[in-house]
């Protein structure tokens, strides 16, 4: 069969270049600091369903593209047709889905908006990579040889990004909030375990005794300096045996962090899983989405505070560790109080429990 004409190859390369430019523009528009569109989409559909449908179509189109690239003879006209369909239908749909989320944050929450931007942006970036592979194959066809094997791996990555985007439809705001909260809770649980291991480690009277680096006969290491070096090098692995007050503080911190872990579990069960999007109907009243966003910001900040506190312990800075523990407790109590009332502004079983929790941990 005759090789593809130069005109067909040129048309394909032109389309690839223009599609890459559109993808780059769309990707830039999804940055957090990018200006948001002011025009509203009238009577918008469910954006999560839009993401799911568009992701499914993207997967179908890139599968066709991949098969056309690896099969011989190379047919640029067929690839051009599929790519044009992808660029004219799926890409605008994905951008529209994000815009719907942005214009109705009171329903979809800022949490979901940011996640949608992140996942759509990833789809666009992976598509750019796939198009670069197709262009490379097209240039090889023009030179008389081509191989589409790399396009297969690029297609697989596009599939993964599409699956992650489509998963938002099943998660919804509640599922996404639960997923994030569980991840942050796991971080705190890891910190608790590490602090306990650090506090229960070997004491410094035996640790490092056989290390030639700290040999007291070494002229470069005086007695006092030797003790300081031992503290520096071993503190990261275990607590010094001669710091009883620090040990007591660690024990306090661990007990309070365990209560924070319980708070996460309670909030996930009583506030995040039951969440339903309800827009504010009264002036000055927050929507349920705004409430969950504020709650999630607090839950997100706690692991960072815990990490700072752990670092202070490992640095043997008791004063800083005590202050950091106080910050953790303060933020945790603020979080519990923030969620005292349900999304209808009423007290429930969690309301009573949270007040007791604040008293216990504070």
Foldseek 3Di string as FASTA:
>chain_A
DDFDDPVLLVLLVVLLVVLLVVLVVLLVCLDPPHDADPDDDPPDDQLLVLLQVLLVLVLVLLVVLLVLLADPPNDSVVNSVSSVVNSVPSLVSLSNSLNNCVVPCLFQFPLVSNVSSVLSSQLSVLVNVLSVLSNVQSVQSVVPDGHSPVSVVSSVSSNVSSVSSNVCSVCGQLNSLLVLLVVLLVLLVVLLVQLVQQAPDDALVPPPPPPPVLDCPDPVADPVNSVVVSLLVCLLRHPHPPCVVLSVVSVLLSVLSVLLSVVSVCCSVPARNVDHRDGDPDPPDGTSSVLSNVLSVLSVCLSVLSVQLSVCSSVVPSVSNVVSSVVNLVSSLVSLVSCLAYRVRHHDPSNVVSVVSNVVSD
